[in-house]
PDB file of N, CA and C in Angstrom:
ATOM      1  N   MET A   1      79.098  29.137 218.871  1.00  0.00           N
ATOM      2  CA  MET A   1      77.699  29.359 218.573  1.00  0.00           C
ATOM      3  C   MET A   1      77.591  30.230 217.325  1.00  0.00           C
ATOM      4  N   PRO A   2      77.005  29.719 216.254  1.00  0.00           N
ATOM      5  CA  PRO A   2      76.812  30.541 215.054  1.00  0.00           C
ATOM      6  C   PRO A   2      75.889  31.733 215.339  1.00  0.00           C
ATOM      7  N   ARG A   3      76.281  32.877 214.794  1.00  0.00           N
ATOM      8  CA  ARG A   3      75.484  34.100 214.924  1.00  0.00           C
ATOM      9  C   ARG A   3      74.886  34.398 213.558  1.00  0.00           C
ATOM     10  N   LEU A   4      73.580  34.649 213.526  1.00  0.00           N
ATOM     11  CA  LEU A   4      72.873  34.919 212.278  1.00  0.00           C
ATOM     12  C   LEU A   4      72.058  36.192 212.425  1.00  0.00           C
ATOM     13  N   LEU A   5      72.240  37.105 211.488  1.00  0.00           N
ATOM     14  CA  LEU A   5      71.486  38.349 211.465  1.00  0.00           C
ATOM     15  C   LEU A   5      70.232  38.134 210.625  1.00  0.00           C
ATOM     16  N   ILE A   6      69.078  38.513 211.157  1.00  0.00           N
ATOM     17  CA  ILE A   6      67.856  38.359 210.359  1.00  0.00           C
ATOM     18  C   ILE A   6      67.406  39.716 209.827  1.00  0.00           C
ATOM     19  N   ASP A   7      66.988  39.709 208.577  1.00  0.00           N
ATOM     20  CA  ASP A   7      66.478  40.911 207.932  1.00  0.00           C
ATOM     21  C   ASP A   7      65.134  41.277 208.565  1.00  0.00           C
ATOM     22  N   THR A   8      64.736  42.508 208.393  1.00  0.00           N
ATOM     23  CA  THR A   8      63.501  43.007 208.999  1.00  0.00           C
ATOM     24  C   THR A   8      62.292  42.184 208.602  1.00  0.00           C
ATOM     25  N   HIS A   9      62.170  41.868 207.313  1.00  0.00           N
ATOM     26  CA  HIS A   9      61.005  41.094 206.876  1.00  0.00           C
ATOM     27  C   HIS A   9      61.003  39.705 207.486  1.00  0.00           C
ATOM     28  N   VAL A  10      62.182  39.142 207.713  1.00  0.00           N
ATOM     29  CA  VAL A  10      62.270  37.815 208.337  1.00  0.00           C
ATOM     30  C   VAL A  10      61.752  37.887 209.772  1.00  0.00           C
ATOM     31  N   LEU A  11      62.127  38.917 210.504  1.00  0.00           N
ATOM     32  CA  LEU A  11      61.624  39.090 211.865  1.00  0.00           C
ATOM     33  C   LEU A  11      60.098  39.179 211.858  1.00  0.00           C
ATOM     34  N   LEU A  12      59.562  40.008 210.982  1.00  0.00           N
ATOM     35  CA  LEU A  12      58.106  40.176 210.942  1.00  0.00           C
ATOM     36  C   LEU A  12      57.406  38.893 210.513  1.00  0.00           C
ATOM     37  N   TRP A  13      57.951  38.195 209.521  1.00  0.00           N
ATOM     38  CA  TRP A  13      57.359  36.935 209.080  1.00  0.00           C
ATOM     39  C   TRP A  13      57.433  35.898 210.190  1.00  0.00           C
ATOM     40  N   TRP A  14      58.542  35.858 210.920  1.00  0.00           N
ATOM     41  CA  TRP A  14      58.700  34.939 212.041  1.00  0.00           C
ATOM     42  C   TRP A  14      57.610  35.198 213.090  1.00  0.00           C
ATOM     43  N   LEU A  15      57.462  36.467 213.465  1.00  0.00           N
ATOM     44  CA  LEU A  15      56.491  36.827 214.487  1.00  0.00           C
ATOM     45  C   LEU A  15      55.052  36.523 214.052  1.00  0.00           C
ATOM     46  N   ASP A  16      54.782  36.671 212.751  1.00  0.00           N
ATOM     47  CA  ASP A  16      53.436  36.439 212.209  1.00  0.00           C
ATOM     48  C   ASP A  16      53.170  34.986 211.848  1.00  0.00           C
ATOM     49  N   GLY A  17      54.206  34.148 211.849  1.00  0.00           N
ATOM     50  CA  GLY A  17      54.039  32.775 211.392  1.00  0.00           C
ATOM     51  C   GLY A  17      53.763  32.712 209.894  1.00  0.00           C
ATOM     52  N   ASP A  18      54.280  33.687 209.174  1.00  0.00           N
ATOM     53  CA  ASP A  18      54.050  33.808 207.733  1.00  0.00           C
ATOM     54  C   ASP A  18      54.691  32.645 206.972  1.00  0.00           C
ATOM     55  N   LYS A  19      53.929  32.060 206.061  1.00  0.00           N
ATOM     56  CA  LYS A  19      54.388  30.900 205.287  1.00  0.00           C
ATOM     57  C   LYS A  19      55.505  31.250 204.297  1.00  0.00           C
ATOM     58  N   ARG A  20      55.730  32.528 204.037  1.00  0.00           N
ATOM     59  CA  ARG A  20      56.831  32.905 203.146  1.00  0.00           C
ATOM     60  C   ARG A  20      58.190  32.586 203.762  1.00  0.00           C
ATOM     61  N   LEU A  21      58.221  32.449 205.085  1.00  0.00           N
ATOM     62  CA  LEU A  21      59.456  32.063 205.758  1.00  0.00           C
ATOM     63  C   LEU A  21      59.553  30.539 205.691  1.00  0.00           C
ATOM     64  N   LEU A  22      60.482  30.074 204.888  1.00  0.00           N
ATOM     65  CA  LEU A  22      60.613  28.651 204.607  1.00  0.00           C
ATOM     66  C   LEU A  22      60.839  27.832 205.876  1.00  0.00           C
ATOM     67  N   ARG A  23      60.366  26.602 205.860  1.00  0.00           N
ATOM     68  CA  ARG A  23      60.465  25.713 207.021  1.00  0.00           C
ATOM     69  C   ARG A  23      61.918  25.551 207.481  1.00  0.00           C
ATOM     70  N   ARG A  24      62.840  25.372 206.541  1.00  0.00           N
ATOM     71  CA  ARG A  24      64.237  25.165 206.931  1.00  0.00           C
ATOM     72  C   ARG A  24      64.823  26.422 207.589  1.00  0.00           C
ATOM     73  N   LEU A  25      64.322  27.593 207.202  1.00  0.00           N
ATOM     74  CA  LEU A  25      64.786  28.830 207.842  1.00  0.00           C
ATOM     75  C   LEU A  25      64.194  28.957 209.242  1.00  0.00           C
ATOM     76  N   ARG A  26      62.946  28.544 209.393  1.00  0.00           N
ATOM     77  CA  ARG A  26      62.326  28.526 210.725  1.00  0.00           C
ATOM     78  C   ARG A  26      63.127  27.624 211.661  1.00  0.00           C
ATOM     79  N   GLN A  27      63.529  26.466 211.138  1.00  0.00           N
ATOM     80  CA  GLN A  27      64.309  25.534 211.947  1.00  0.00           C
ATOM     81  C   GLN A  27      65.663  26.137 212.314  1.00  0.00           C
ATOM     82  N   LEU A  28      66.273  26.828 211.359  1.00  0.00           N
ATOM     83  CA  LEU A  28      67.557  27.476 211.604  1.00  0.00           C
ATOM     84  C   LEU A  28      67.423  28.539 212.703  1.00  0.00           C
ATOM     85  N   ILE A  29      66.348  29.309 212.633  1.00  0.00           N
ATOM     86  CA  ILE A  29      66.118  30.379 213.613  1.00  0.00           C
ATOM     87  C   ILE A  29      65.828  29.806 214.992  1.00  0.00           C
ATOM     88  N   GLN A  30      65.103  28.717 215.061  1.00  0.00           N
ATOM     89  CA  GLN A  30      64.734  28.188 216.375  1.00  0.00           C
ATOM     90  C   GLN A  30      65.768  27.229 216.974  1.00  0.00           C
ATOM     91  N   THR A  31      66.823  26.921 216.218  1.00  0.00           N
ATOM     92  CA  THR A  31      67.885  26.071 216.753  1.00  0.00           C
ATOM     93  C   THR A  31      68.602  26.811 217.878  1.00  0.00           C
ATOM     94  N   GLU A  32      68.608  26.207 219.042  1.00  0.00           N
ATOM     95  CA  GLU A  32      69.178  26.867 220.223  1.00  0.00           C
ATOM     96  C   GLU A  32      70.667  27.144 220.105  1.00  0.00           C
ATOM     97  N   ASP A  33      71.355  26.406 219.249  1.00  0.00           N
ATOM     98  CA  ASP A  33      72.791  26.617 219.076  1.00  0.00           C
ATOM     99  C   ASP A  33      73.110  27.875 218.274  1.00  0.00           C
ATOM    100  N   ASN A  34      72.104  28.473 217.640  1.00  0.00           N
ATOM    101  CA  ASN A  34      72.302  29.671 216.838  1.00  0.00           C
ATOM    102  C   ASN A  34      71.891  30.910 217.632  1.00  0.00           C
ATOM    103  N   GLU A  35      72.726  31.929 217.587  1.00  0.00           N
ATOM    104  CA  GLU A  35      72.351  33.212 218.171  1.00  0.00           C
ATOM    105  C   GLU A  35      71.724  34.048 217.057  1.00  0.00           C
ATOM    106  N   ILE A  36      70.481  34.422 217.227  1.00  0.00           N
ATOM    107  CA  ILE A  36      69.771  35.202 216.225  1.00  0.00           C
ATOM    108  C   ILE A  36      69.856  36.673 216.610  1.00  0.00           C
ATOM    109  N   LEU A  37      70.402  37.455 215.687  1.00  0.00           N
ATOM    110  CA  LEU A  37      70.612  38.883 215.909  1.00  0.00           C
ATOM    111  C   LEU A  37      69.554  39.703 215.181  1.00  0.00           C
ATOM    112  N   VAL A  38      69.044  40.703 215.878  1.00  0.00           N
ATOM    113  CA  VAL A  38      68.127  41.664 215.273  1.00  0.00           C
ATOM    114  C   VAL A  38      68.786  43.030 215.389  1.00  0.00           C
ATOM    115  N   SER A  39      68.994  43.663 214.257  1.00  0.00           N
ATOM    116  CA  SER A  39      69.674  44.950 214.218  1.00  0.00           C
ATOM    117  C   SER A  39      68.793  46.085 214.728  1.00  0.00           C
ATOM    118  N   ALA A  40      69.442  47.044 215.356  1.00  0.00           N
ATOM    119  CA  ALA A  40      68.748  48.282 215.724  1.00  0.00           C
ATOM    120  C   ALA A  40      68.156  48.939 214.473  1.00  0.00           C
ATOM    121  N   ALA A  41      68.771  48.704 213.314  1.00  0.00           N
ATOM    122  CA  ALA A  41      68.237  49.243 212.061  1.00  0.00           C
ATOM    123  C   ALA A  41      66.861  48.648 211.748  1.00  0.00           C
ATOM    124  N   SER A  42      66.644  47.385 212.098  1.00  0.00           N
ATOM    125  CA  SER A  42      65.339  46.760 211.874  1.00  0.00           C
ATOM    126  C   SER A  42      64.285  47.366 212.796  1.00  0.00           C
ATOM    127  N   VAL A  43      64.677  47.657 214.024  1.00  0.00           N
ATOM    128  CA  VAL A  43      63.760  48.311 214.960  1.00  0.00           C
ATOM    129  C   VAL A  43      63.381  49.685 214.422  1.00  0.00           C
ATOM    130  N   TRP A  44      64.369  50.409 213.948  1.00  0.00           N
ATOM    131  CA  TRP A  44      64.160  51.734 213.358  1.00  0.00           C
ATOM    132  C   TRP A  44      63.227  51.617 212.149  1.00  0.00           C
ATOM    133  N   GLU A  45      63.478  50.628 211.284  1.00  0.00           N
ATOM    134  CA  GLU A  45      62.661  50.445 210.087  1.00  0.00           C
ATOM    135  C   GLU A  45      61.213  50.100 210.438  1.00  0.00           C
ATOM    136  N   ILE A  46      61.016  49.175 211.356  1.00  0.00           N
ATOM    137  CA  ILE A  46      59.657  48.770 211.729  1.00  0.00           C
ATOM    138  C   ILE A  46      58.890  49.940 212.324  1.00  0.00           C
ATOM    139  N   THR A  47      59.488  50.645 213.254  1.00  0.00           N
ATOM    140  CA  THR A  47      58.772  51.735 213.904  1.00  0.00           C
ATOM    141  C   THR A  47      58.520  52.899 212.948  1.00  0.00           C
ATOM    142  N   THR A  48      59.476  53.188 212.088  1.00  0.00           N
ATOM    143  CA  THR A  48      59.301  54.258 211.111  1.00  0.00           C
ATOM    144  C   THR A  48      58.185  53.922 210.127  1.00  0.00           C
ATOM    145  N   LYS A  49      58.254  52.730 209.547  1.00  0.00           N
ATOM    146  CA  LYS A  49      57.268  52.346 208.530  1.00  0.00           C
ATOM    147  C   LYS A  49      55.878  52.135 209.132  1.00  0.00           C
ATOM    148  N   ALA A  50      55.801  51.680 210.364  1.00  0.00           N
ATOM    149  CA  ALA A  50      54.494  51.571 211.021  1.00  0.00           C
ATOM    150  C   ALA A  50      53.911  52.964 211.248  1.00  0.00           C
ATOM    151  N   ARG A  51      54.747  53.890 211.677  1.00  0.00           N
ATOM    152  CA  ARG A  51      54.296  55.261 211.949  1.00  0.00           C
ATOM    153  C   ARG A  51      53.753  55.949 210.711  1.00  0.00           C
ATOM    154  N   ILE A  52      54.399  55.730 209.557  1.00  0.00           N
ATOM    155  CA  ILE A  52      53.972  56.429 208.335  1.00  0.00           C
ATOM    156  C   ILE A  52      52.949  55.628 207.520  1.00  0.00           C
ATOM    157  N   GLY A  53      52.533  54.485 208.044  1.00  0.00           N
ATOM    158  CA  GLY A  53      51.473  53.721 207.402  1.00  0.00           C
ATOM    159  C   GLY A  53      51.924  52.687 206.394  1.00  0.00           C
ATOM    160  N   LYS A  54      53.228  52.452 206.260  1.00  0.00           N
ATOM    161  CA  LYS A  54      53.718  51.456 205.298  1.00  0.00           C
ATOM    162  C   LYS A  54      53.718  50.040 205.860  1.00  0.00           C
ATOM    163  N   LEU A  55      53.548  49.905 207.164  1.00  0.00           N
ATOM    164  CA  LEU A  55      53.462  48.590 207.810  1.00  0.00           C
ATOM    165  C   LEU A  55      52.283  48.594 208.791  1.00  0.00           C
ATOM    166  N   PRO A  56      51.075  48.735 208.279  1.00  0.00           N
ATOM    167  CA  PRO A  56      49.928  48.803 209.196  1.00  0.00           C
ATOM    168  C   PRO A  56      49.731  47.523 210.009  1.00  0.00           C
ATOM    169  N   GLY A  57      50.193  46.396 209.504  1.00  0.00           N
ATOM    170  CA  GLY A  57      50.059  45.143 210.227  1.00  0.00           C
ATOM    171  C   GLY A  57      51.071  44.961 211.333  1.00  0.00           C
ATOM    172  N   ALA A  58      51.999  45.892 211.450  1.00  0.00           N
ATOM    173  CA  ALA A  58      53.073  45.751 212.444  1.00  0.00           C
ATOM    174  C   ALA A  58      52.950  46.761 213.581  1.00  0.00           C
ATOM    175  N   LEU A  59      51.782  47.345 213.754  1.00  0.00           N
ATOM    176  CA  LEU A  59      51.629  48.362 214.789  1.00  0.00           C
ATOM    177  C   LEU A  59      51.869  47.811 216.195  1.00  0.00           C
ATOM    178  N   GLU A  60      51.400  46.593 216.457  1.00  0.00           N
ATOM    179  CA  GLU A  60      51.598  45.989 217.775  1.00  0.00           C
ATOM    180  C   GLU A  60      53.078  45.718 218.030  1.00  0.00           C
ATOM    181  N   VAL A  61      53.751  45.200 217.012  1.00  0.00           N
ATOM    182  CA  VAL A  61      55.193  44.952 217.134  1.00  0.00           C
ATOM    183  C   VAL A  61      55.927  46.283 217.321  1.00  0.00           C
ATOM    184  N   ALA A  62      55.558  47.279 216.529  1.00  0.00           N
ATOM    185  CA  ALA A  62      56.226  48.581 216.582  1.00  0.00           C
ATOM    186  C   ALA A  62      56.069  49.254 217.947  1.00  0.00           C
ATOM    187  N   ALA A  63      55.015  48.928 218.666  1.00  0.00           N
ATOM    188  CA  ALA A  63      54.784  49.535 219.973  1.00  0.00           C
ATOM    189  C   ALA A  63      55.852  49.125 220.988  1.00  0.00           C
ATOM    190  N   ASP A  64      56.453  47.951 220.804  1.00  0.00           N
ATOM    191  CA  ASP A  64      57.489  47.494 221.744  1.00  0.00           C
ATOM    192  C   ASP A  64      58.360  46.424 221.096  1.00  0.00           C
ATOM    193  N   VAL A  65      59.151  46.822 220.110  1.00  0.00           N
ATOM    194  CA  VAL A  65      60.012  45.877 219.402  1.00  0.00           C
ATOM    195  C   VAL A  65      61.036  45.232 220.345  1.00  0.00           C
ATOM    196  N   PRO A  66      61.654  45.968 221.262  1.00  0.00           N
ATOM    197  CA  PRO A  66      62.621  45.315 222.150  1.00  0.00           C
ATOM    198  C   PRO A  66      62.031  44.126 222.921  1.00  0.00           C
ATOM    199  N   SER A  67      60.797  44.250 223.387  1.00  0.00           N
ATOM    200  CA  SER A  67      60.167  43.130 224.093  1.00  0.00           C
ATOM    201  C   SER A  67      59.930  41.954 223.162  1.00  0.00           C
ATOM    202  N   CYS A  68      59.540  42.238 221.918  1.00  0.00           N
ATOM    203  CA  CYS A  68      59.339  41.169 220.936  1.00  0.00           C
ATOM    204  C   CYS A  68      60.646  40.407 220.712  1.00  0.00           C
ATOM    205  N   ILE A  69      61.734  41.137 220.620  1.00  0.00           N
ATOM    206  CA  ILE A  69      63.047  40.515 220.408  1.00  0.00           C
ATOM    207  C   ILE A  69      63.406  39.622 221.598  1.00  0.00           C
ATOM    208  N   LEU A  70      63.260  40.158 222.798  1.00  0.00           N
ATOM    209  CA  LEU A  70      63.587  39.399 224.008  1.00  0.00           C
ATOM    210  C   LEU A  70      62.676  38.187 224.177  1.00  0.00           C
ATOM    211  N   ASP A  71      61.379  38.372 223.918  1.00  0.00           N
ATOM    212  CA  ASP A  71      60.420  37.270 224.064  1.00  0.00           C
ATOM    213  C   ASP A  71      60.757  36.089 223.155  1.00  0.00           C
ATOM    214  N   GLN A  72      61.396  36.357 222.032  1.00  0.00           N
ATOM    215  CA  GLN A  72      61.763  35.299 221.091  1.00  0.00           C
ATOM    216  C   GLN A  72      63.124  34.683 221.424  1.00  0.00           C
ATOM    217  N   GLY A  73      63.815  35.269 222.379  1.00  0.00           N
ATOM    218  CA  GLY A  73      65.147  34.774 222.730  1.00  0.00           C
ATOM    219  C   GLY A  73      66.222  35.252 221.769  1.00  0.00           C
ATOM    220  N   PHE A  74      65.918  36.298 221.000  1.00  0.00           N
ATOM    221  CA  PHE A  74      66.876  36.855 220.061  1.00  0.00           C
ATOM    222  C   PHE A  74      67.765  37.876 220.771  1.00  0.00           C
ATOM    223  N   SER A  75      68.870  38.226 220.138  1.00  0.00           N
ATOM    224  CA  SER A  75      69.790  39.238 220.667  1.00  0.00           C
ATOM    225  C   SER A  75      69.710  40.491 219.808  1.00  0.00           C
ATOM    226  N   SER A  76      69.821  41.626 220.456  1.00  0.00           N
ATOM    227  CA  SER A  76      69.826  42.878 219.691  1.00  0.00           C
ATOM    228  C   SER A  76      71.257  43.207 219.280  1.00  0.00           C
ATOM    229  N   LEU A  77      71.369  43.823 218.117  1.00  0.00           N
ATOM    230  CA  LEU A  77      72.667  44.254 217.586  1.00  0.00           C
ATOM    231  C   LEU A  77      72.622  45.763 217.421  1.00  0.00           C
ATOM    232  N   SER A  78      73.355  46.452 218.274  1.00  0.00           N
ATOM    233  CA  SER A  78      73.410  47.910 218.212  1.00  0.00           C
ATOM    234  C   SER A  78      74.159  48.365 216.971  1.00  0.00           C
ATOM    235  N   ILE A  79      73.947  49.609 216.613  1.00  0.00           N
ATOM    236  CA  ILE A  79      74.672  50.206 215.492  1.00  0.00           C
ATOM    237  C   ILE A  79      75.891  50.927 216.066  1.00  0.00           C
ATOM    238  N   SER A  80      77.066  50.527 215.625  1.00  0.00           N
ATOM    239  CA  SER A  80      78.303  51.145 216.100  1.00  0.00           C
ATOM    240  C   SER A  80      78.784  52.197 215.104  1.00  0.00           C
ATOM    241  N   VAL A  81      79.768  52.947 215.531  1.00  0.00           N
ATOM    242  CA  VAL A  81      80.395  53.934 214.647  1.00  0.00           C
ATOM    243  C   VAL A  81      81.012  53.216 213.442  1.00  0.00           C
ATOM    244  N   GLU A  82      81.633  52.063 213.683  1.00  0.00           N
ATOM    245  CA  GLU A  82      82.217  51.285 212.587  1.00  0.00           C
ATOM    246  C   GLU A  82      81.134  50.858 211.591  1.00  0.00           C
ATOM    247  N   HIS A  83      80.017  50.371 212.095  1.00  0.00           N
ATOM    248  CA  HIS A  83      78.908  49.976 211.207  1.00  0.00           C
ATOM    249  C   HIS A  83      78.461  51.164 210.354  1.00  0.00           C
ATOM    250  N   ALA A  84      78.322  52.314 211.001  1.00  0.00           N
ATOM    251  CA  ALA A  84      77.855  53.508 210.289  1.00  0.00           C
ATOM    252  C   ALA A  84      78.829  53.919 209.195  1.00  0.00           C
ATOM    253  N   GLN A  85      80.120  53.852 209.483  1.00  0.00           N
ATOM    254  CA  GLN A  85      81.104  54.229 208.474  1.00  0.00           C
ATOM    255  C   GLN A  85      81.072  53.264 207.296  1.00  0.00           C
ATOM    256  N   ILE A  86      80.991  51.962 207.582  1.00  0.00           N
ATOM    257  CA  ILE A  86      80.922  50.977 206.498  1.00  0.00           C
ATOM    258  C   ILE A  86      79.670  51.213 205.647  1.00  0.00           C
ATOM    259  N   ALA A  87      78.543  51.413 206.304  1.00  0.00           N
ATOM    260  CA  ALA A  87      77.286  51.635 205.574  1.00  0.00           C
ATOM    261  C   ALA A  87      77.381  52.876 204.693  1.00  0.00           C
ATOM    262  N   GLY A  88      77.966  53.924 205.226  1.00  0.00           N
ATOM    263  CA  GLY A  88      78.099  55.166 204.468  1.00  0.00           C
ATOM    264  C   GLY A  88      79.017  55.045 203.275  1.00  0.00           C
ATOM    265  N   ASN A  89      79.966  54.133 203.350  1.00  0.00           N
ATOM    266  CA  ASN A  89      80.935  53.953 202.268  1.00  0.00           C
ATOM    267  C   ASN A  89      80.584  52.836 201.296  1.00  0.00           C
ATOM    268  N   LEU A  90      79.477  52.145 201.517  1.00  0.00           N
ATOM    269  CA  LEU A  90      79.129  51.063 200.601  1.00  0.00           C
ATOM    270  C   LEU A  90      78.905  51.594 199.190  1.00  0.00           C
ATOM    271  N   PRO A  91      79.496  50.949 198.206  1.00  0.00           N
ATOM    272  CA  PRO A  91      79.283  51.367 196.817  1.00  0.00           C
ATOM    273  C   PRO A  91      77.939  50.845 196.308  1.00  0.00           C
ATOM    274  N   GLY A  92      77.630  51.200 195.085  1.00  0.00           N
ATOM    275  CA  GLY A  92      76.488  50.589 194.422  1.00  0.00           C
ATOM    276  C   GLY A  92      75.194  51.362 194.553  1.00  0.00           C
ATOM    277  N   PRO A  93      74.220  50.891 193.808  1.00  0.00           N
ATOM    278  CA  PRO A  93      72.968  51.622 193.679  1.00  0.00           C
ATOM    279  C   PRO A  93      71.949  51.356 194.789  1.00  0.00           C
ATOM    280  N   HIS A  94      72.204  50.398 195.674  1.00  0.00           N
ATOM    281  CA  HIS A  94      71.205  50.076 196.703  1.00  0.00           C
ATOM    282  C   HIS A  94      71.083  51.254 197.659  1.00  0.00           C
ATOM    283  N   ARG A  95      69.934  51.910 197.634  1.00  0.00           N
ATOM    284  CA  ARG A  95      69.777  53.170 198.351  1.00  0.00           C
ATOM    285  C   ARG A  95      69.072  53.042 199.702  1.00  0.00           C
ATOM    286  N   ASP A  96      68.485  51.900 199.986  1.00  0.00           N
ATOM    287  CA  ASP A  96      67.722  51.739 201.221  1.00  0.00           C
ATOM    288  C   ASP A  96      68.669  51.812 202.430  1.00  0.00           C
ATOM    289  N   PRO A  97      68.509  52.821 203.290  1.00  0.00           N
ATOM    290  CA  PRO A  97      69.443  52.977 204.412  1.00  0.00           C
ATOM    291  C   PRO A  97      69.374  51.819 205.411  1.00  0.00           C
ATOM    292  N   PHE A  98      68.218  51.216 205.559  1.00  0.00           N
ATOM    293  CA  PHE A  98      68.081  50.093 206.490  1.00  0.00           C
ATOM    294  C   PHE A  98      68.861  48.887 205.976  1.00  0.00           C
ATOM    295  N   ASP A  99      68.702  48.577 204.692  1.00  0.00           N
ATOM    296  CA  ASP A  99      69.435  47.462 204.096  1.00  0.00           C
ATOM    297  C   ASP A  99      70.931  47.715 204.088  1.00  0.00           C
ATOM    298  N   ARG A 100      71.324  48.944 203.811  1.00  0.00           N
ATOM    299  CA  ARG A 100      72.751  49.266 203.801  1.00  0.00           C
ATOM    300  C   ARG A 100      73.366  49.046 205.188  1.00  0.00           C
ATOM    301  N   MET A 101      72.613  49.369 206.233  1.00  0.00           N
ATOM    302  CA  MET A 101      73.122  49.147 207.585  1.00  0.00           C
ATOM    303  C   MET A 101      73.216  47.653 207.878  1.00  0.00           C
ATOM    304  N   LEU A 102      72.219  46.872 207.464  1.00  0.00           N
ATOM    305  CA  LEU A 102      72.281  45.423 207.683  1.00  0.00           C
ATOM    306  C   LEU A 102      73.477  44.817 206.952  1.00  0.00           C
ATOM    307  N   ILE A 103      73.737  45.279 205.742  1.00  0.00           N
ATOM    308  CA  ILE A 103      74.900  44.809 204.984  1.00  0.00           C
ATOM    309  C   ILE A 103      76.184  45.146 205.748  1.00  0.00           C
ATOM    310  N   ALA A 104      76.287  46.394 206.203  1.00  0.00           N
ATOM    311  CA  ALA A 104      77.481  46.833 206.935  1.00  0.00           C
ATOM    312  C   ALA A 104      77.678  46.010 208.206  1.00  0.00           C
ATOM    313  N   GLN A 105      76.594  45.747 208.917  1.00  0.00           N
ATOM    314  CA  GLN A 105      76.709  44.966 210.146  1.00  0.00           C
ATOM    315  C   GLN A 105      77.118  43.527 209.846  1.00  0.00           C
ATOM    316  N   ALA A 106      76.540  42.952 208.801  1.00  0.00           N
ATOM    317  CA  ALA A 106      76.911  41.581 208.430  1.00  0.00           C
ATOM    318  C   ALA A 106      78.396  41.518 208.069  1.00  0.00           C
ATOM    319  N   GLN A 107      78.879  42.537 207.352  1.00  0.00           N
ATOM    320  CA  GLN A 107      80.302  42.570 206.994  1.00  0.00           C
ATOM    321  C   GLN A 107      81.179  42.735 208.229  1.00  0.00           C
ATOM    322  N   ALA A 108      80.861  43.716 209.058  1.00  0.00           N
ATOM    323  CA  ALA A 108      81.701  44.033 210.215  1.00  0.00           C
ATOM    324  C   ALA A 108      81.703  42.913 211.258  1.00  0.00           C
ATOM    325  N   GLU A 109      80.555  42.313 211.461  1.00  0.00           N
ATOM    326  CA  GLU A 109      80.429  41.269 212.482  1.00  0.00           C
ATOM    327  C   GLU A 109      80.761  39.878 211.947  1.00  0.00           C
ATOM    328  N   ARG A 110      80.975  39.819 210.629  1.00  0.00           N
ATOM    329  CA  ARG A 110      81.267  38.536 209.961  1.00  0.00           C
ATOM    330  C   ARG A 110      80.193  37.494 210.256  1.00  0.00           C
ATOM    331  N   VAL A 111      78.947  37.898 210.007  1.00  0.00           N
ATOM    332  CA  VAL A 111      77.807  37.009 210.210  1.00  0.00           C
ATOM    333  C   VAL A 111      77.031  36.875 208.904  1.00  0.00           C
ATOM    334  N   SER A 112      76.337  35.770 208.788  1.00  0.00           N
ATOM    335  CA  SER A 112      75.444  35.571 207.646  1.00  0.00           C
ATOM    336  C   SER A 112      74.136  36.278 207.937  1.00  0.00           C
ATOM    337  N   ILE A 113      73.432  36.629 206.865  1.00  0.00           N
ATOM    338  CA  ILE A 113      72.150  37.302 207.014  1.00  0.00           C
ATOM    339  C   ILE A 113      71.056  36.451 206.376  1.00  0.00           C
ATOM    340  N   ILE A 114      69.990  36.248 207.106  1.00  0.00           N
ATOM    341  CA  ILE A 114      68.837  35.519 206.582  1.00  0.00           C
ATOM    342  C   ILE A 114      67.917  36.549 205.939  1.00  0.00           C
ATOM    343  N   SER A 115      67.770  36.448 204.610  1.00  0.00           N
ATOM    344  CA  SER A 115      66.992  37.444 203.863  1.00  0.00           C
ATOM    345  C   SER A 115      66.587  36.888 202.508  1.00  0.00           C
ATOM    346  N   ILE A 116      65.429  37.302 202.048  1.00  0.00           N
ATOM    347  CA  ILE A 116      64.971  36.960 200.701  1.00  0.00           C
ATOM    348  C   ILE A 116      65.548  37.939 199.672  1.00  0.00           C
ATOM    349  N   ASP A 117      66.116  39.033 200.122  1.00  0.00           N
ATOM    350  CA  ASP A 117      66.556  40.145 199.264  1.00  0.00           C
ATOM    351  C   ASP A 117      67.846  39.804 198.505  1.00  0.00           C
ATOM    352  N   THR A 118      67.720  39.481 197.231  1.00  0.00           N
ATOM    353  CA  THR A 118      68.874  39.117 196.408  1.00  0.00           C
ATOM    354  C   THR A 118      69.806  40.303 196.147  1.00  0.00           C
ATOM    355  N   ALA A 119      69.325  41.522 196.354  1.00  0.00           N
ATOM    356  CA  ALA A 119      70.182  42.702 196.157  1.00  0.00           C
ATOM    357  C   ALA A 119      71.362  42.704 197.127  1.00  0.00           C
ATOM    358  N   LEU A 120      71.232  41.986 198.230  1.00  0.00           N
ATOM    359  CA  LEU A 120      72.325  41.919 199.202  1.00  0.00           C
ATOM    360  C   LEU A 120      73.518  41.143 198.660  1.00  0.00           C
ATOM    361  N   ASP A 121      73.273  40.281 197.693  1.00  0.00           N
ATOM    362  CA  ASP A 121      74.335  39.422 197.153  1.00  0.00           C
ATOM    363  C   ASP A 121      75.475  40.219 196.517  1.00  0.00           C
ATOM    364  N   ALA A 122      75.199  41.401 196.045  1.00  0.00           N
ATOM    365  CA  ALA A 122      76.219  42.223 195.381  1.00  0.00           C
ATOM    366  C   ALA A 122      77.218  42.823 196.371  1.00  0.00           C
ATOM    367  N   TYR A 123      76.990  42.612 197.665  1.00  0.00           N
ATOM    368  CA  TYR A 123      77.819  43.258 198.675  1.00  0.00           C
ATOM    369  C   TYR A 123      78.726  42.297 199.442  1.00  0.00           C
ATOM    370  N   GLY A 124      78.886  41.102 198.941  1.00  0.00           N
ATOM    371  CA  GLY A 124      79.841  40.175 199.531  1.00  0.00           C
ATOM    372  C   GLY A 124      79.460  39.625 200.887  1.00  0.00           C
ATOM    373  N   VAL A 125      78.191  39.661 201.228  1.00  0.00           N
ATOM    374  CA  VAL A 125      77.748  39.047 202.477  1.00  0.00           C
ATOM    375  C   VAL A 125      77.186  37.657 202.169  1.00  0.00           C
ATOM    376  N   THR A 126      77.234  36.792 203.142  1.00  0.00           N
ATOM    377  CA  THR A 126      76.637  35.475 202.975  1.00  0.00           C
ATOM    378  C   THR A 126      75.163  35.586 203.325  1.00  0.00           C
ATOM    379  N   ARG A 127      74.337  35.398 202.311  1.00  0.00           N
ATOM    380  CA  ARG A 127      72.886  35.491 202.491  1.00  0.00           C
ATOM    381  C   ARG A 127      72.321  34.075 202.493  1.00  0.00           C
ATOM    382  N   ILE A 128      71.494  33.795 203.476  1.00  0.00           N
ATOM    383  CA  ILE A 128      70.841  32.495 203.587  1.00  0.00           C
ATOM    384  C   ILE A 128      69.388  32.657 203.197  1.00  0.00           C
ATOM    385  N   TRP A 129      68.965  31.835 202.244  1.00  0.00           N
ATOM    386  CA  TRP A 129      67.546  31.784 201.901  1.00  0.00           C
ATOM    387  C   TRP A 129      67.174  30.477 201.354  1.00  0.00           C
TER     388      TRP A 129
END
């Protein structure tokens, strides 16, 4: 079963039915043969940004992200000590701690990441868009 990590914006676009999430990516996410992973870093990002007003449209999701993940049939991906060490040691100018953790998890778990963020390409992960 292929495992695919989805970026935070992909999760939010999926939940909102946002047209920015391409049809072929929607099909990839809803294919039952694929295990869709949502990182604890995405939960942290959504709840943090909703709390400080940077994601006002995600307040309902932020109130119970774990239920949203389960309701969609997605799997949660915890942050391990190994993930944290990889994220902390990542080179380069990308400073966003949430993205750095997603990169580290994609590397450690050997999974592709569904994301529009081209900055991830510099880190040797397979990005699907």
